[in-house]
Amino acid sequence: MPVTYSNYLKLDELLSLQQPRSAGPEHDEMLFIVIHQVYELWFKEMLHELAYLAQLLRTNDTPRALHTLKRILTVLKVMVAQIDVLETMTPLEFLSFRDRLESGSGFQSFQFRELEFVLGVKHPAALARYPEGSEPRRRLETRYREPTLWDAFLAYLAGNQYSVPASLRGRDVTRLPEPSREMQQVLITVYRTNPAVASLCERLVDLDEGIMEWRYRHVKMVQRTIGTKAGTGGTAGAEYLETTLNKPAFPDLWAIRTEL
């Protein structure tokens, strides 16, 4: 069979995956399903690109790393913009099918948890939410043990002859990076002496800010849709999501701002 647009993209399978559970079905459930399936595809692409970025950083390939970061940031803008589409659904329209979600919740997205782990936000409790031996659990356990994007960035700085503290190069990769005065001094030197490396640092700040923007927009969307009600699946809803705001993955890149 010759390759066609349809069979290459497996459109028959893809377009059969939107299966509303509500009676009728309720009109807005289709939008809800499509938006969240698209999010999962973007999470997959982000994980794909971040793995490539880490590889480029470790091989000291600045031009390709910058290009890959540009792509990641562009995808992230699309992800944030998708919330505008979801917000066209009113609270009553969501309530018309919400009960059909039963215990389902975006909180269960293992790919988003993988994305958090890659960026260094690793919560051991997240592993326990998935059955032992399941594919999501296996993937998260692997991510939990792996170095993060920050660790790849430290290797990149070392490859550019900067004196990254040994304690940071050998840090516990299961923990969120802690602010380091030594590291901040290295970064200040980078910004003052090496525009190319400083440009890459700025793109990482863009990435960190973009993730925080996505979290903020997500919180406001949930508040707009269900207010202070509990989330689907018994989660805390907006109350929990608010606790994730304003927590940078790369604190040293933010801490140096007052000294440049």
C-alpha atoms as a PDB file:
ATOM      1  CA  MET A   1       0.000   0.000   0.000  1.00  0.00           C
ATOM      2  CA  PRO A   2       1.438   3.416  -0.937  1.00  0.00           C
ATOM      3  CA  VAL A   3       2.023   5.943   1.819  1.00  0.00           C
ATOM      4  CA  THR A   4      -0.782   8.489   1.984  1.00  0.00           C
ATOM      5  CA  TYR A   5      -1.500  11.430   4.261  1.00  0.00           C
ATOM      6  CA  SER A   6      -4.160   9.374   6.015  1.00  0.00           C
ATOM      7  CA  ASN A   7      -2.266   6.143   6.634  1.00  0.00           C
ATOM      8  CA  TYR A   8       1.003   7.911   7.504  1.00  0.00           C
ATOM      9  CA  LEU A   9      -0.766   9.867  10.281  1.00  0.00           C
ATOM     10  CA  LYS A  10      -3.043   6.910  11.138  1.00  0.00           C
ATOM     11  CA  LEU A  11      -6.063   9.189  10.876  1.00  0.00           C
ATOM     12  CA  ASP A  12      -8.613   6.383  11.145  1.00  0.00           C
ATOM     13  CA  GLU A  13      -7.226   5.434  14.550  1.00  0.00           C
ATOM     14  CA  LEU A  14      -6.627   9.025  15.636  1.00  0.00           C
ATOM     15  CA  LEU A  15     -10.111  10.275  14.823  1.00  0.00           C
ATOM     16  CA  SER A  16     -11.742   7.291  16.517  1.00  0.00           C
ATOM     17  CA  LEU A  17     -10.178   8.162  19.903  1.00  0.00           C
ATOM     18  CA  GLN A  18     -12.619  10.959  20.792  1.00  0.00           C
ATOM     19  CA  GLN A  19     -15.375   9.068  22.591  1.00  0.00           C
ATOM     20  CA  PRO A  20     -17.649  11.214  24.792  1.00  0.00           C
ATOM     21  CA  ARG A  21     -19.240   9.444  27.757  1.00  0.00           C
ATOM     22  CA  SER A  22     -22.199  11.793  28.275  1.00  0.00           C
ATOM     23  CA  ALA A  23     -25.680  11.110  26.965  1.00  0.00           C
ATOM     24  CA  GLY A  24     -26.460  12.933  23.772  1.00  0.00           C
ATOM     25  CA  PRO A  25     -23.491  13.480  23.984  1.00  0.00           C
ATOM     26  CA  GLU A  26     -23.179  16.903  25.615  1.00  0.00           C
ATOM     27  CA  HIS A  27     -21.823  19.310  23.008  1.00  0.00           C
ATOM     28  CA  ASP A  28     -18.774  20.571  24.959  1.00  0.00           C
ATOM     29  CA  GLU A  29     -17.404  17.183  25.935  1.00  0.00           C
ATOM     30  CA  MET A  30     -15.847  16.837  22.473  1.00  0.00           C
ATOM     31  CA  LEU A  31     -13.849  20.042  22.978  1.00  0.00           C
ATOM     32  CA  PHE A  32     -12.739  18.862  26.426  1.00  0.00           C
ATOM     33  CA  ILE A  33     -11.480  15.546  25.048  1.00  0.00           C
ATOM     34  CA  VAL A  34      -9.720  17.031  22.025  1.00  0.00           C
ATOM     35  CA  ILE A  35      -7.937  19.725  24.071  1.00  0.00           C
ATOM     36  CA  HIS A  36      -6.601  17.226  26.590  1.00  0.00           C
ATOM     37  CA  GLN A  37      -5.547  14.710  23.958  1.00  0.00           C
ATOM     38  CA  VAL A  38      -3.683  17.490  22.154  1.00  0.00           C
ATOM     39  CA  TYR A  39      -2.014  18.445  25.445  1.00  0.00           C
ATOM     40  CA  GLU A  40      -0.757  14.894  25.841  1.00  0.00           C
ATOM     41  CA  LEU A  41       0.687  15.027  22.326  1.00  0.00           C
ATOM     42  CA  TRP A  42       2.452  18.293  23.136  1.00  0.00           C
ATOM     43  CA  PHE A  43       3.790  16.773  26.380  1.00  0.00           C
ATOM     44  CA  LYS A  44       5.186  13.917  24.291  1.00  0.00           C
ATOM     45  CA  GLU A  45       6.853  16.370  21.908  1.00  0.00           C
ATOM     46  CA  MET A  46       8.238  18.445  24.790  1.00  0.00           C
ATOM     47  CA  LEU A  47       9.798  15.344  26.365  1.00  0.00           C
ATOM     48  CA  HIS A  48      11.265  14.418  22.972  1.00  0.00           C
ATOM     49  CA  GLU A  49      12.794  17.880  22.510  1.00  0.00           C
ATOM     50  CA  LEU A  50      14.052  18.202  26.094  1.00  0.00           C
ATOM     51  CA  ALA A  51      15.889  14.886  25.804  1.00  0.00           C
ATOM     52  CA  TYR A  52      17.550  16.172  22.628  1.00  0.00           C
ATOM     53  CA  LEU A  53      18.377  19.479  24.315  1.00  0.00           C
ATOM     54  CA  ALA A  54      20.080  17.695  27.211  1.00  0.00           C
ATOM     55  CA  GLN A  55      22.157  15.721  24.715  1.00  0.00           C
ATOM     56  CA  LEU A  56      23.170  18.912  22.869  1.00  0.00           C
ATOM     57  CA  LEU A  57      24.167  20.600  26.110  1.00  0.00           C
ATOM     58  CA  ARG A  58      26.338  17.681  27.134  1.00  0.00           C
ATOM     59  CA  THR A  59      28.105  17.764  23.746  1.00  0.00           C
ATOM     60  CA  ASN A  60      28.527  21.553  23.956  1.00  0.00           C
ATOM     61  CA  ASP A  61      26.565  22.252  20.771  1.00  0.00           C
ATOM     62  CA  THR A  62      25.422  25.812  21.468  1.00  0.00           C
ATOM     63  CA  PRO A  63      23.807  26.655  18.070  1.00  0.00           C
ATOM     64  CA  ARG A  64      21.636  23.534  17.994  1.00  0.00           C
ATOM     65  CA  ALA A  65      20.800  23.880  21.680  1.00  0.00           C
ATOM     66  CA  LEU A  66      19.557  27.431  21.066  1.00  0.00           C
ATOM     67  CA  HIS A  67      17.552  26.270  18.064  1.00  0.00           C
ATOM     68  CA  THR A  68      15.983  23.442  20.074  1.00  0.00           C
ATOM     69  CA  LEU A  69      15.153  25.804  22.913  1.00  0.00           C
ATOM     70  CA  LYS A  70      13.421  28.100  20.415  1.00  0.00           C
ATOM     71  CA  ARG A  71      11.250  25.179  19.312  1.00  0.00           C
ATOM     72  CA  ILE A  72      10.462  24.171  22.891  1.00  0.00           C
ATOM     73  CA  LEU A  73       9.482  27.735  23.775  1.00  0.00           C
ATOM     74  CA  THR A  74       7.267  27.985  20.691  1.00  0.00           C
ATOM     75  CA  VAL A  75       5.476  24.764  21.643  1.00  0.00           C
ATOM     76  CA  LEU A  76       5.039  26.102  25.160  1.00  0.00           C
ATOM     77  CA  LYS A  77       3.386  29.253  23.805  1.00  0.00           C
ATOM     78  CA  VAL A  78       0.933  27.081  21.885  1.00  0.00           C
ATOM     79  CA  MET A  79       0.202  25.090  25.046  1.00  0.00           C
ATOM     80  CA  VAL A  80      -0.568  28.283  26.959  1.00  0.00           C
ATOM     81  CA  ALA A  81      -2.716  29.608  24.106  1.00  0.00           C
ATOM     82  CA  GLN A  82      -4.807  26.418  24.111  1.00  0.00           C
ATOM     83  CA  ILE A  83      -6.165  27.467  27.495  1.00  0.00           C
ATOM     84  CA  ASP A  84      -7.941  30.325  25.686  1.00  0.00           C
ATOM     85  CA  VAL A  85      -9.862  27.714  23.711  1.00  0.00           C
ATOM     86  CA  LEU A  86     -10.741  25.717  26.820  1.00  0.00           C
ATOM     87  CA  GLU A  87     -11.967  28.882  28.539  1.00  0.00           C
ATOM     88  CA  THR A  88     -14.676  29.283  25.905  1.00  0.00           C
ATOM     89  CA  MET A  89     -16.462  26.520  27.838  1.00  0.00           C
ATOM     90  CA  THR A  90     -18.644  27.980  30.593  1.00  0.00           C
ATOM     91  CA  PRO A  91     -18.982  26.431  34.079  1.00  0.00           C
ATOM     92  CA  LEU A  92     -22.467  25.133  33.246  1.00  0.00           C
ATOM     93  CA  GLU A  93     -21.246  23.591  30.010  1.00  0.00           C
ATOM     94  CA  PHE A  94     -18.498  21.754  31.911  1.00  0.00           C
ATOM     95  CA  LEU A  95     -20.919  20.633  34.619  1.00  0.00           C
ATOM     96  CA  SER A  96     -23.144  19.107  31.943  1.00  0.00           C
ATOM     97  CA  PHE A  97     -20.698  16.200  31.591  1.00  0.00           C
ATOM     98  CA  ARG A  98     -18.305  16.516  34.538  1.00  0.00           C
ATOM     99  CA  ASP A  99     -19.834  13.606  36.465  1.00  0.00           C
ATOM    100  CA  ARG A 100     -18.930  11.287  33.556  1.00  0.00           C
ATOM    101  CA  LEU A 101     -15.232  11.838  34.322  1.00  0.00           C
ATOM    102  CA  GLU A 102     -15.673   9.840  37.581  1.00  0.00           C
ATOM    103  CA  SER A 103     -12.169   9.403  39.072  1.00  0.00           C
ATOM    104  CA  GLY A 104     -10.393  10.762  35.979  1.00  0.00           C
ATOM    105  CA  SER A 105      -8.253  13.849  36.550  1.00  0.00           C
ATOM    106  CA  GLY A 106      -5.512  15.764  34.764  1.00  0.00           C
ATOM    107  CA  PHE A 107      -3.607  15.220  38.005  1.00  0.00           C
ATOM    108  CA  GLN A 108      -3.067  11.665  36.700  1.00  0.00           C
ATOM    109  CA  SER A 109      -1.174  12.754  33.569  1.00  0.00           C
ATOM    110  CA  PHE A 110       2.047  10.772  33.854  1.00  0.00           C
ATOM    111  CA  GLN A 111       3.589  12.621  30.926  1.00  0.00           C
ATOM    112  CA  PHE A 112       3.193  15.942  32.733  1.00  0.00           C
ATOM    113  CA  ARG A 113       4.822  14.355  35.794  1.00  0.00           C
ATOM    114  CA  GLU A 114       7.656  13.211  33.507  1.00  0.00           C
ATOM    115  CA  LEU A 115       8.000  16.767  32.266  1.00  0.00           C
ATOM    116  CA  GLU A 116       8.239  18.011  35.839  1.00  0.00           C
ATOM    117  CA  PHE A 117      10.866  15.370  36.650  1.00  0.00           C
ATOM    118  CA  VAL A 118      12.978  16.304  33.612  1.00  0.00           C
ATOM    119  CA  LEU A 119      12.912  19.926  34.784  1.00  0.00           C
ATOM    120  CA  GLY A 120      13.989  18.873  38.272  1.00  0.00           C
ATOM    121  CA  VAL A 121      10.667  19.041  40.105  1.00  0.00           C
ATOM    122  CA  LYS A 122      10.640  15.521  41.492  1.00  0.00           C
ATOM    123  CA  HIS A 123       8.113  14.427  44.098  1.00  0.00           C
ATOM    124  CA  PRO A 124       8.536  10.836  45.342  1.00  0.00           C
ATOM    125  CA  ALA A 125       4.836  10.764  46.214  1.00  0.00           C
ATOM    126  CA  ALA A 126       4.034  11.086  42.518  1.00  0.00           C
ATOM    127  CA  LEU A 127       5.407   7.581  41.924  1.00  0.00           C
ATOM    128  CA  ALA A 128       2.941   6.014  44.330  1.00  0.00           C
ATOM    129  CA  ARG A 129      -0.012   7.280  42.289  1.00  0.00           C
ATOM    130  CA  TYR A 130       0.678   4.668  39.609  1.00  0.00           C
ATOM    131  CA  PRO A 131       0.512   0.884  40.135  1.00  0.00           C
ATOM    132  CA  GLU A 132       3.821  -0.936  40.559  1.00  0.00           C
ATOM    133  CA  GLY A 133       4.880  -2.574  37.328  1.00  0.00           C
ATOM    134  CA  SER A 134       2.750  -0.274  35.179  1.00  0.00           C
ATOM    135  CA  GLU A 135       4.309   1.559  32.242  1.00  0.00           C
ATOM    136  CA  PRO A 136       3.678   5.030  33.761  1.00  0.00           C
ATOM    137  CA  ARG A 137       5.335   3.920  37.010  1.00  0.00           C
ATOM    138  CA  ARG A 138       8.334   2.486  35.158  1.00  0.00           C
ATOM    139  CA  ARG A 139       8.784   5.649  33.113  1.00  0.00           C
ATOM    140  CA  LEU A 140       8.544   7.900  36.150  1.00  0.00           C
ATOM    141  CA  GLU A 141      10.966   5.770  38.161  1.00  0.00           C
ATOM    142  CA  THR A 142      13.467   6.064  35.307  1.00  0.00           C
ATOM    143  CA  ARG A 143      13.014   9.847  35.127  1.00  0.00           C
ATOM    144  CA  TYR A 144      13.315  10.078  38.905  1.00  0.00           C
ATOM    145  CA  ARG A 145      16.779   8.509  38.851  1.00  0.00           C
ATOM    146  CA  GLU A 146      18.017  10.373  35.775  1.00  0.00           C
ATOM    147  CA  PRO A 147      19.899  13.675  35.779  1.00  0.00           C
ATOM    148  CA  THR A 148      17.724  16.694  35.023  1.00  0.00           C
ATOM    149  CA  LEU A 149      18.000  19.438  32.422  1.00  0.00           C
ATOM    150  CA  TRP A 150      19.802  21.540  35.031  1.00  0.00           C
ATOM    151  CA  ASP A 151      22.435  18.833  35.381  1.00  0.00           C
ATOM    152  CA  ALA A 152      22.944  18.849  31.604  1.00  0.00           C
ATOM    153  CA  PHE A 153      23.321  22.636  31.798  1.00  0.00           C
ATOM    154  CA  LEU A 154      25.989  22.294  34.513  1.00  0.00           C
ATOM    155  CA  ALA A 155      27.856  19.861  32.260  1.00  0.00           C
ATOM    156  CA  TYR A 156      27.549  22.411  29.445  1.00  0.00           C
ATOM    157  CA  LEU A 157      29.083  25.152  31.601  1.00  0.00           C
ATOM    158  CA  ALA A 158      31.914  22.844  32.626  1.00  0.00           C
ATOM    159  CA  GLY A 159      32.476  22.045  28.937  1.00  0.00           C
ATOM    160  CA  ASN A 160      32.872  25.782  28.363  1.00  0.00           C
ATOM    161  CA  GLN A 161      35.647  25.918  30.957  1.00  0.00           C
ATOM    162  CA  TYR A 162      33.609  27.383  33.817  1.00  0.00           C
ATOM    163  CA  SER A 163      34.386  26.170  37.332  1.00  0.00           C
ATOM    164  CA  VAL A 164      31.144  24.489  38.286  1.00  0.00           C
ATOM    165  CA  PRO A 165      31.400  23.444  41.957  1.00  0.00           C
ATOM    166  CA  ALA A 166      32.106  19.721  42.286  1.00  0.00           C
ATOM    167  CA  SER A 167      29.372  19.442  44.894  1.00  0.00           C
ATOM    168  CA  LEU A 168      26.846  20.488  42.241  1.00  0.00           C
ATOM    169  CA  ARG A 169      28.222  18.228  39.513  1.00  0.00           C
ATOM    170  CA  GLY A 170      27.775  15.288  41.895  1.00  0.00           C
ATOM    171  CA  ARG A 171      24.531  16.440  43.496  1.00  0.00           C
ATOM    172  CA  ASP A 172      21.544  14.234  44.337  1.00  0.00           C
ATOM    173  CA  VAL A 173      19.571  14.420  41.082  1.00  0.00           C
ATOM    174  CA  THR A 174      16.349  13.347  42.812  1.00  0.00           C
ATOM    175  CA  ARG A 175      16.202  16.684  44.646  1.00  0.00           C
ATOM    176  CA  LEU A 176      15.128  20.083  43.369  1.00  0.00           C
ATOM    177  CA  PRO A 177      18.221  22.224  42.656  1.00  0.00           C
ATOM    178  CA  GLU A 178      18.971  24.438  45.646  1.00  0.00           C
ATOM    179  CA  PRO A 179      20.214  28.023  45.212  1.00  0.00           C
ATOM    180  CA  SER A 180      24.015  28.097  45.311  1.00  0.00           C
ATOM    181  CA  ARG A 181      26.047  31.251  45.888  1.00  0.00           C
ATOM    182  CA  GLU A 182      29.040  29.637  44.179  1.00  0.00           C
ATOM    183  CA  MET A 183      26.952  28.829  41.127  1.00  0.00           C
ATOM    184  CA  GLN A 184      25.530  32.336  41.040  1.00  0.00           C
ATOM    185  CA  GLN A 185      29.060  33.773  40.901  1.00  0.00           C
ATOM    186  CA  VAL A 186      29.834  31.514  37.929  1.00  0.00           C
ATOM    187  CA  LEU A 187      26.661  32.675  36.155  1.00  0.00           C
ATOM    188  CA  ILE A 188      27.429  36.333  36.789  1.00  0.00           C
ATOM    189  CA  THR A 189      30.806  35.794  35.110  1.00  0.00           C
ATOM    190  CA  VAL A 190      29.073  34.098  32.174  1.00  0.00           C
ATOM    191  CA  TYR A 191      26.705  37.028  31.675  1.00  0.00           C
ATOM    192  CA  ARG A 192      29.514  39.581  31.846  1.00  0.00           C
ATOM    193  CA  THR A 193      31.984  37.802  29.575  1.00  0.00           C
ATOM    194  CA  ASN A 194      30.291  35.336  27.212  1.00  0.00           C
ATOM    195  CA  PRO A 195      27.252  36.582  25.225  1.00  0.00           C
ATOM    196  CA  ALA A 196      26.674  33.245  23.476  1.00  0.00           C
ATOM    197  CA  VAL A 197      26.456  31.239  26.702  1.00  0.00           C
ATOM    198  CA  ALA A 198      24.513  34.065  28.368  1.00  0.00           C
ATOM    199  CA  SER A 199      21.991  33.874  25.520  1.00  0.00           C
ATOM    200  CA  LEU A 200      21.441  30.192  26.249  1.00  0.00           C
ATOM    201  CA  CYS A 201      20.985  31.029  29.937  1.00  0.00           C
ATOM    202  CA  GLU A 202      18.272  33.514  28.972  1.00  0.00           C
ATOM    203  CA  ARG A 203      16.441  30.895  26.927  1.00  0.00           C
ATOM    204  CA  LEU A 204      16.418  28.636  29.991  1.00  0.00           C
ATOM    205  CA  VAL A 205      14.891  31.505  31.966  1.00  0.00           C
ATOM    206  CA  ASP A 206      12.288  31.812  29.192  1.00  0.00           C
ATOM    207  CA  LEU A 207      11.542  28.104  29.584  1.00  0.00           C
ATOM    208  CA  ASP A 208      11.205  28.394  33.358  1.00  0.00           C
ATOM    209  CA  GLU A 209       8.965  31.448  33.025  1.00  0.00           C
ATOM    210  CA  GLY A 210       6.883  29.723  30.351  1.00  0.00           C
ATOM    211  CA  ILE A 211       6.217  26.736  32.592  1.00  0.00           C
ATOM    212  CA  MET A 212       5.228  29.076  35.418  1.00  0.00           C
ATOM    213  CA  GLU A 213       2.937  30.981  33.051  1.00  0.00           C
ATOM    214  CA  TRP A 214       1.287  27.722  31.978  1.00  0.00           C
ATOM    215  CA  ARG A 215       0.727  26.785  35.627  1.00  0.00           C
ATOM    216  CA  TYR A 216      -0.775  30.217  36.377  1.00  0.00           C
ATOM    217  CA  ARG A 217      -3.120  30.113  33.372  1.00  0.00           C
ATOM    218  CA  HIS A 218      -4.124  26.582  34.316  1.00  0.00           C
ATOM    219  CA  VAL A 219      -4.999  27.690  37.858  1.00  0.00           C
ATOM    220  CA  LYS A 220      -7.092  30.622  36.620  1.00  0.00           C
ATOM    221  CA  MET A 221      -8.870  28.391  34.101  1.00  0.00           C
ATOM    222  CA  VAL A 222      -9.782  25.911  36.861  1.00  0.00           C
ATOM    223  CA  GLN A 223     -10.961  28.725  39.151  1.00  0.00           C
ATOM    224  CA  ARG A 224     -13.006  30.201  36.314  1.00  0.00           C
ATOM    225  CA  THR A 225     -14.621  26.850  35.559  1.00  0.00           C
ATOM    226  CA  ILE A 226     -15.230  25.239  38.967  1.00  0.00           C
ATOM    227  CA  GLY A 227     -14.284  27.941  41.484  1.00  0.00           C
ATOM    228  CA  THR A 228     -13.113  26.422  44.778  1.00  0.00           C
ATOM    229  CA  LYS A 229     -14.817  23.055  44.269  1.00  0.00           C
ATOM    230  CA  ALA A 230     -12.755  19.895  44.577  1.00  0.00           C
ATOM    231  CA  GLY A 231     -11.184  18.746  41.336  1.00  0.00           C
ATOM    232  CA  THR A 232     -12.219  15.640  39.430  1.00  0.00           C
ATOM    233  CA  GLY A 233     -11.051  12.403  40.979  1.00  0.00           C
ATOM    234  CA  GLY A 234     -11.224  13.939  44.471  1.00  0.00           C
ATOM    235  CA  THR A 235      -8.201  16.223  43.963  1.00  0.00           C
ATOM    236  CA  ALA A 236      -7.984  19.607  45.688  1.00  0.00           C
ATOM    237  CA  GLY A 237      -8.555  21.494  42.454  1.00  0.00           C
ATOM    238  CA  ALA A 238      -7.390  25.106  42.278  1.00  0.00           C
ATOM    239  CA  GLU A 239      -6.315  25.070  45.929  1.00  0.00           C
ATOM    240  CA  TYR A 240      -3.616  22.481  45.151  1.00  0.00           C
ATOM    241  CA  LEU A 241      -2.650  24.082  41.845  1.00  0.00           C
ATOM    242  CA  GLU A 242      -1.975  27.405  43.587  1.00  0.00           C
ATOM    243  CA  THR A 243       0.752  25.748  45.668  1.00  0.00           C
ATOM    244  CA  THR A 244       2.710  25.003  42.480  1.00  0.00           C
ATOM    245  CA  LEU A 245       2.975  28.646  41.394  1.00  0.00           C
ATOM    246  CA  ASN A 246       6.114  30.807  41.435  1.00  0.00           C
ATOM    247  CA  LYS A 247       8.496  27.935  42.072  1.00  0.00           C
ATOM    248  CA  PRO A 248      11.318  28.199  39.524  1.00  0.00           C
ATOM    249  CA  ALA A 249      13.142  25.088  38.378  1.00  0.00           C
ATOM    250  CA  PHE A 250      16.374  27.086  37.881  1.00  0.00           C
ATOM    251  CA  PRO A 251      16.576  29.346  40.969  1.00  0.00           C
ATOM    252  CA  ASP A 252      20.179  30.473  40.404  1.00  0.00           C
ATOM    253  CA  LEU A 253      19.315  31.974  37.019  1.00  0.00           C
ATOM    254  CA  TRP A 254      16.714  34.139  38.751  1.00  0.00           C
ATOM    255  CA  ALA A 255      18.791  34.998  41.826  1.00  0.00           C
ATOM    256  CA  ILE A 256      21.519  36.756  39.834  1.00  0.00           C
ATOM    257  CA  ARG A 257      19.166  39.383  38.352  1.00  0.00           C
ATOM    258  CA  THR A 258      19.825  41.953  41.067  1.00  0.00           C
ATOM    259  CA  GLU A 259      23.590  41.718  40.564  1.00  0.00           C
ATOM    260  CA  LEU A 260      23.944  42.089  36.820  1.00  0.00           C
END
